[in-house]
Protein backbone atom coordinates (compact mmCIF):
# COMPACT_ATOMS: atom_id res chain seq x y z
CA UNK A 1 66.60 -4.03 -76.39
CA UNK A 2 64.58 -1.24 -74.23
CA UNK A 3 65.91 2.47 -74.75
CA UNK A 4 65.47 4.61 -71.45
CA UNK A 5 64.22 7.76 -71.84
CA UNK A 6 64.68 10.48 -69.71
CA UNK A 7 61.70 13.09 -70.23
CA UNK A 8 61.59 16.69 -68.98
CA UNK A 9 58.82 18.62 -68.69
CA UNK A 10 57.52 22.15 -67.76
CA UNK A 11 56.69 25.21 -69.38
CA UNK A 12 59.03 28.09 -71.07
CA UNK A 13 62.18 29.32 -68.84
CA UNK A 14 60.95 26.50 -66.03
CA UNK A 15 64.78 25.69 -66.14
CA UNK A 16 64.55 22.64 -68.13
CA UNK A 17 67.85 23.46 -70.12
CA UNK A 18 69.76 24.14 -67.19
CA UNK A 19 68.55 21.06 -65.31
CA UNK A 20 69.84 19.01 -68.51
CA UNK A 21 72.87 20.95 -68.87
CA UNK A 22 73.99 19.91 -65.21
CA UNK A 23 72.88 16.43 -65.97
CA UNK A 24 75.15 15.71 -68.88
CA UNK A 25 78.03 17.85 -67.14
CA UNK A 26 78.08 15.18 -64.31
CA UNK A 27 79.92 12.41 -64.70
CA UNK A 28 78.15 9.93 -62.63
CA UNK A 29 75.11 10.05 -64.88
CA UNK A 30 77.71 9.47 -67.80
CA UNK A 31 79.92 6.64 -68.34
CA UNK A 32 80.07 7.26 -71.85
CA UNK A 33 76.67 6.26 -73.39
CA UNK A 34 75.33 7.32 -76.71
CA UNK A 35 73.19 10.11 -76.05
CA UNK A 36 70.39 11.49 -78.33
CA UNK A 37 69.00 14.90 -77.15
CA UNK A 38 65.71 16.03 -78.25
CA UNK A 39 64.53 19.47 -77.97
CA UNK A 40 61.11 20.40 -78.56
CA UNK A 41 61.26 23.98 -77.15
CA UNK A 42 64.20 26.27 -77.21
CA UNK A 43 64.45 29.06 -74.47
CA UNK A 44 66.54 31.67 -73.76
CA UNK A 45 69.25 29.23 -72.31
CA UNK A 46 71.27 27.30 -74.38
CA UNK A 47 73.04 24.03 -73.92
CA UNK A 48 77.18 24.23 -73.77
CA UNK A 49 78.14 21.05 -75.29
CA UNK A 50 81.81 21.89 -74.63
CA UNK A 51 81.00 21.69 -70.69
CA UNK A 52 79.20 17.79 -71.21
CA UNK A 53 81.15 15.10 -69.37
CA UNK A 54 80.57 12.64 -72.49
CA UNK A 55 81.50 13.10 -76.14
CA UNK A 56 78.63 11.16 -77.80
CA UNK A 57 75.51 13.69 -77.68
CA UNK A 58 73.87 14.15 -80.72
CA UNK A 59 71.07 16.86 -80.65
CA UNK A 60 67.89 16.49 -82.51
CA UNK A 61 65.46 20.06 -82.73
CA UNK A 62 61.35 19.10 -83.03
CA UNK A 63 59.61 22.15 -84.30
CA UNK A 64 56.10 20.44 -84.23
CA UNK A 65 54.28 17.80 -82.52
CA UNK A 66 53.73 16.70 -86.38
CA UNK A 67 57.43 15.53 -86.19
CA UNK A 68 56.72 13.24 -83.24
CA UNK A 69 56.20 9.98 -85.03
CA UNK A 70 57.51 6.68 -84.21
CA UNK A 71 59.17 6.49 -87.53
CA UNK A 72 61.03 9.70 -87.62
CA UNK A 73 62.21 8.91 -83.75
CA UNK A 74 63.59 5.76 -84.80
CA UNK A 75 65.36 7.13 -87.23
CA UNK A 76 67.07 9.81 -85.27
CA UNK A 77 67.88 7.12 -82.58
CA UNK A 78 69.35 4.92 -85.34
CA UNK A 79 71.45 7.85 -87.02
CA UNK A 80 72.73 8.69 -83.76
CA UNK A 81 73.69 5.15 -82.57
CA UNK A 82 72.30 6.38 -79.13
CA UNK A 83 71.72 3.82 -76.36
CA UNK A 84 69.78 6.30 -74.29
CA UNK A 85 67.27 9.65 -75.27
CA UNK A 86 66.57 12.72 -73.62
CA UNK A 87 63.90 14.90 -74.20
CA UNK A 88 63.44 18.59 -73.54
CA UNK A 89 59.44 18.54 -74.14
CA UNK A 90 57.33 21.87 -75.23
CA UNK A 91 55.01 22.61 -72.42
CA UNK A 92 52.46 23.63 -74.65
CA UNK A 93 52.08 20.11 -76.10
CA UNK A 94 50.07 17.47 -74.39
CA UNK A 95 51.88 14.51 -72.95
CA UNK A 96 49.67 11.81 -74.85
CA UNK A 97 51.22 13.65 -77.93
CA UNK A 98 54.36 12.09 -76.95
CA UNK A 99 53.07 8.82 -75.37
CA UNK A 100 51.25 7.79 -78.16
CA UNK A 101 54.16 8.42 -80.26
CA UNK A 102 56.89 6.70 -78.69
CA UNK A 103 58.85 3.98 -80.67
CA UNK A 104 57.95 0.55 -78.81
CA UNK A 105 61.29 -0.20 -77.75
CA UNK A 106 61.55 3.47 -75.84
CA UNK A 107 60.46 3.18 -72.32
CA UNK A 108 60.25 6.28 -69.93
CA UNK A 109 62.79 5.62 -67.38
CA UNK A 110 62.22 8.92 -65.23
CA UNK A 111 59.87 11.82 -66.01
CA UNK A 112 60.87 15.28 -64.16
CA UNK A 113 58.62 18.49 -63.90
CA UNK A 114 60.50 21.43 -64.09
CA UNK A 115 58.83 24.56 -62.12
CA UNK A 116 59.45 28.10 -62.03
CA UNK A 117 58.02 28.88 -58.60
CA UNK A 118 57.61 32.57 -59.07
CA UNK A 119 55.19 32.01 -62.10
CA UNK A 120 53.50 28.62 -61.81
CA UNK A 121 50.72 30.51 -60.21
CA UNK A 122 50.06 32.29 -63.36
CA UNK A 123 50.15 29.50 -65.39
CA UNK A 124 47.72 27.55 -63.15
CA UNK A 125 45.07 30.03 -63.06
CA UNK A 126 45.05 30.57 -67.18
CA UNK A 127 46.58 27.35 -68.42
CA UNK A 128 45.36 24.67 -65.44
CA UNK A 129 44.76 21.97 -68.11
CA UNK A 130 48.08 22.23 -69.22
CA UNK A 131 49.43 22.28 -65.77
CA UNK A 132 47.56 19.11 -64.86
CA UNK A 133 48.53 17.31 -67.77
CA UNK A 134 51.96 17.48 -66.94
CA UNK A 135 51.49 16.61 -63.32
CA UNK A 136 49.52 13.63 -64.00
CA UNK A 137 52.59 11.68 -64.74
CA UNK A 138 55.39 13.16 -63.47
CA UNK A 139 57.50 11.10 -60.93
CA UNK A 140 59.64 14.13 -59.89
CA UNK A 141 58.34 17.69 -59.44
CA UNK A 142 61.33 20.21 -59.04
CA UNK A 143 60.41 23.71 -57.96
CA UNK A 144 63.15 25.95 -58.63
CA UNK A 145 63.79 29.78 -57.79
CA UNK A 146 62.13 29.00 -54.44
CA UNK A 147 62.96 31.89 -52.04
CA UNK A 148 64.16 30.24 -48.46
CA UNK A 149 61.59 32.18 -46.72
CA UNK A 150 58.86 31.49 -49.24
CA UNK A 151 55.88 29.38 -47.81
CA UNK A 152 56.10 26.09 -49.60
CA UNK A 153 52.37 24.81 -48.79
CA UNK A 154 50.76 26.38 -51.66
CA UNK A 155 53.30 24.79 -54.13
CA UNK A 156 52.77 21.45 -52.44
CA UNK A 157 49.08 21.81 -52.65
CA UNK A 158 49.40 22.39 -56.15
CA UNK A 159 51.36 18.86 -56.95
CA UNK A 160 49.12 16.85 -54.37
CA UNK A 161 46.01 18.24 -56.18
CA UNK A 162 47.01 15.81 -58.66
CA UNK A 163 49.20 13.58 -57.60
CA UNK A 164 49.98 11.65 -54.22
CA UNK A 165 53.13 9.67 -55.62
CA UNK A 166 55.50 12.40 -57.30
CA UNK A 167 58.58 13.23 -55.46
CA UNK A 168 58.90 17.00 -54.75
CA UNK A 169 62.17 18.67 -54.41
CA UNK A 170 62.85 22.71 -53.92
CA UNK A 171 65.85 24.19 -55.47
CA UNK A 172 65.96 27.32 -53.59
CA UNK A 173 67.77 30.87 -54.53
CA UNK A 174 70.93 30.21 -52.22
CA UNK A 175 71.65 27.53 -54.07
CA UNK A 176 70.75 24.81 -51.78
CA UNK A 177 67.87 22.19 -52.39
CA UNK A 178 65.18 20.48 -49.76
CA UNK A 179 63.12 17.50 -50.23
CA UNK A 180 59.54 18.49 -49.45
CA UNK A 181 58.45 17.05 -46.20
CA UNK A 182 54.89 18.24 -45.76
CA UNK A 183 52.50 15.45 -44.55
CA UNK A 184 49.18 14.84 -46.23
CA UNK A 185 46.79 13.34 -43.62
CA UNK A 186 43.72 12.42 -45.37
CA UNK A 187 40.80 14.88 -44.28
CA UNK A 188 38.68 11.91 -42.93
CA UNK A 189 39.33 9.04 -40.40
CA UNK A 190 40.19 5.99 -41.97
CA UNK A 191 39.98 4.16 -38.34
CA UNK A 192 36.60 5.44 -37.38
CA UNK A 193 33.61 2.62 -37.29
CA UNK A 194 32.13 4.65 -40.08
CA UNK A 195 34.28 6.77 -42.41
CA UNK A 196 32.20 10.24 -43.04
CA UNK A 197 33.31 11.58 -46.24
CA UNK A 198 32.40 15.48 -46.65
CA UNK A 199 31.01 16.58 -49.92
CA UNK A 200 34.17 18.62 -50.57
CA UNK A 201 36.52 15.79 -49.89
CA UNK A 202 35.08 13.30 -52.30
CA UNK A 203 37.55 14.09 -55.00
CA UNK A 204 40.40 12.97 -52.40
CA UNK A 205 38.37 10.30 -51.16
CA UNK A 206 37.96 8.24 -54.45
CA UNK A 207 41.34 8.84 -55.71
CA UNK A 208 42.51 7.32 -52.35
CA UNK A 209 40.31 4.40 -52.61
CA UNK A 210 41.24 3.94 -56.45
CA UNK A 211 44.78 3.87 -55.63
CA UNK A 212 45.00 2.30 -52.30
CA UNK A 213 42.35 0.16 -52.19
CA UNK A 214 43.59 -2.71 -50.10
CA UNK A 215 43.62 0.10 -46.98
CA UNK A 216 39.85 0.56 -47.66
CA UNK A 217 38.56 -3.44 -48.07
CA UNK A 218 36.53 -3.99 -44.62
CA UNK A 219 35.88 -0.38 -43.96
CA UNK A 220 32.49 1.20 -43.63
CA UNK A 221 32.33 4.69 -45.55
CA UNK A 222 29.10 7.14 -45.68
CA UNK A 223 29.13 9.82 -48.43
CA UNK A 224 26.72 11.76 -50.52
CA UNK A 225 26.02 10.00 -53.97
CA UNK A 226 24.57 10.95 -57.31
CA UNK A 227 22.64 7.49 -58.29
CA UNK A 228 23.04 5.83 -61.59
CA UNK A 229 20.07 3.54 -61.95
CA UNK A 230 19.19 1.86 -65.46
CA UNK A 231 18.20 -1.38 -67.11
CA UNK A 232 21.80 -2.28 -67.92
CA UNK A 233 22.69 -2.88 -64.55
CA UNK A 234 22.02 -6.14 -62.51
CA UNK A 235 18.68 -5.93 -60.40
CA UNK A 236 20.71 -5.74 -57.16
CA UNK A 237 23.32 -3.11 -58.67
CA UNK A 238 23.46 0.68 -58.89
CA UNK A 239 26.30 3.32 -59.45
CA UNK A 240 26.78 5.79 -56.56
CA UNK A 241 29.45 8.51 -56.97
CA UNK A 242 29.99 12.18 -57.72
CA UNK A 243 30.84 13.94 -61.02
CA UNK A 244 34.82 15.19 -60.72
CA UNK A 245 36.72 17.60 -62.19
CA UNK A 246 40.32 17.56 -62.50
CA UNK A 247 41.53 20.63 -64.13
CA UNK A 248 38.64 22.25 -66.33
CA UNK A 249 35.07 21.36 -67.39
CA UNK A 250 36.34 19.69 -70.71
CA UNK A 251 37.83 17.13 -67.82
CA UNK A 252 34.88 16.29 -65.77
CA UNK A 253 33.84 13.01 -65.32
CA UNK A 254 31.64 10.42 -63.40
CA UNK A 255 33.67 8.81 -60.93
CA UNK A 256 31.27 6.41 -58.86
CA UNK A 257 31.55 3.18 -57.09
CA UNK A 258 29.78 -0.21 -58.02
CA UNK A 259 26.90 -0.63 -55.32
CA UNK A 260 25.31 -3.89 -54.26
CA UNK A 261 21.72 -3.19 -52.64
CA UNK A 262 18.86 -5.32 -52.54
CA UNK A 263 16.38 -2.62 -53.00
CA UNK A 264 18.91 -0.87 -55.87
CA UNK A 265 16.07 -0.76 -58.38
CA UNK A 266 13.76 1.53 -56.17
CA UNK A 267 16.30 3.97 -56.30
CA UNK A 268 15.35 7.15 -59.20
CA UNK A 269 17.80 7.44 -61.55
CA UNK A 270 19.85 10.67 -61.06
CA UNK A 271 18.64 10.98 -57.52
CA UNK A 272 20.91 12.58 -54.66
CA UNK A 273 21.38 10.16 -51.71
CA UNK A 274 23.37 9.29 -48.57
CA UNK A 275 25.05 5.65 -49.07
CA UNK A 276 26.43 3.78 -46.09
CA UNK A 277 28.16 0.72 -46.79
CA UNK A 278 31.12 -1.57 -46.59
CA UNK A 279 34.01 -1.74 -49.10
CA UNK A 280 34.02 -5.87 -49.86
CA UNK A 281 35.61 -6.75 -53.22
CA UNK A 282 37.10 -5.53 -56.27
CA UNK A 283 34.99 -5.41 -58.95
CA UNK A 284 37.16 -6.66 -61.91
CA UNK A 285 39.62 -3.93 -63.08
CA UNK A 286 36.56 -1.39 -62.54
CA UNK A 287 37.23 -0.77 -59.06
CA UNK A 288 35.80 -1.26 -55.54
CA UNK A 289 32.46 -2.80 -54.58
CA UNK A 290 30.37 -1.22 -52.04
CA UNK A 291 28.09 -3.65 -50.02
CA UNK A 292 25.15 -1.07 -49.17
CA UNK A 293 24.05 -1.20 -45.80
CA UNK A 294 21.82 2.02 -45.70
CA UNK A 295 20.38 4.74 -48.41
CA UNK A 296 18.77 7.87 -47.24
CA UNK A 297 17.20 10.53 -49.65
CA UNK A 298 19.79 13.72 -49.90
CA UNK A 299 19.40 17.03 -51.36
CA UNK A 300 21.95 17.95 -54.08
CA UNK A 301 25.27 19.24 -52.42
CA UNK A 302 25.96 23.15 -53.07
CA UNK A 303 28.83 21.79 -55.10
CA UNK A 304 27.65 19.03 -57.35
CA UNK A 305 30.73 18.70 -59.15
CA UNK A 306 33.87 17.74 -56.81
CA UNK A 307 37.42 18.78 -57.02
CA UNK A 308 40.61 18.41 -55.64
CA UNK A 309 41.12 21.91 -54.50
């Protein structure tokens, strides 16, 4: 039987404990299930078991990443006889430290990131890699301590710069909550005869292309690309794309399209070019194919590494 895991991420004092407390008090969430609560971080707020709407909650403190092993986690579950798991995760630990160590019969039912709207700008400026690490996999992002008069665009962009799919909710200081309703129009026209991708929009274009490939099939696109051309590629194939930085320099990677072009071998390796072609197929599991119609020499863009922000 697959055991559901409700995972809560975020930084110290982001509101994780308060959120979990309210959840365990809510009768609609609790139908008598035996619950294992794993605390990987202890903040100023403390849980109050006397207010839970169920009796069978076993709490286990995890002091270090080294304690996150399948055997230990399975042992905690067997001792508690829990049929579901709640994890309050340490914001300073990488997500893969957890995902790689979950027992095989544990599955993430929901992953929620809690964010203190008043401090996230500082975290994002100084610990961008850890912020992105949490946003990458969050299904729900809850901004708390939001003033009703606050401009929410920066908060919205913080999430959308990493994830297009995460649901966003704002918990306001007046006690109300509001769902995010800011639209995210793409910075290029998918209905144009030729979809022009500006240099600064390549990262957004590439992510959208990978996530919504079917939308692009048959579309003609034009963008500036760094050419990768070597002997390992077929004679009619080159790679055309850009290096993209998601969060920091250590995260930079080359994100190209597989390009079919009869004169592929005439293109110098590591040269820049304007590439125009039609998105025509899926190259196995590696991404879309671009059937190239035109290639023109180009100069390196002012910012050779593309970003989402």
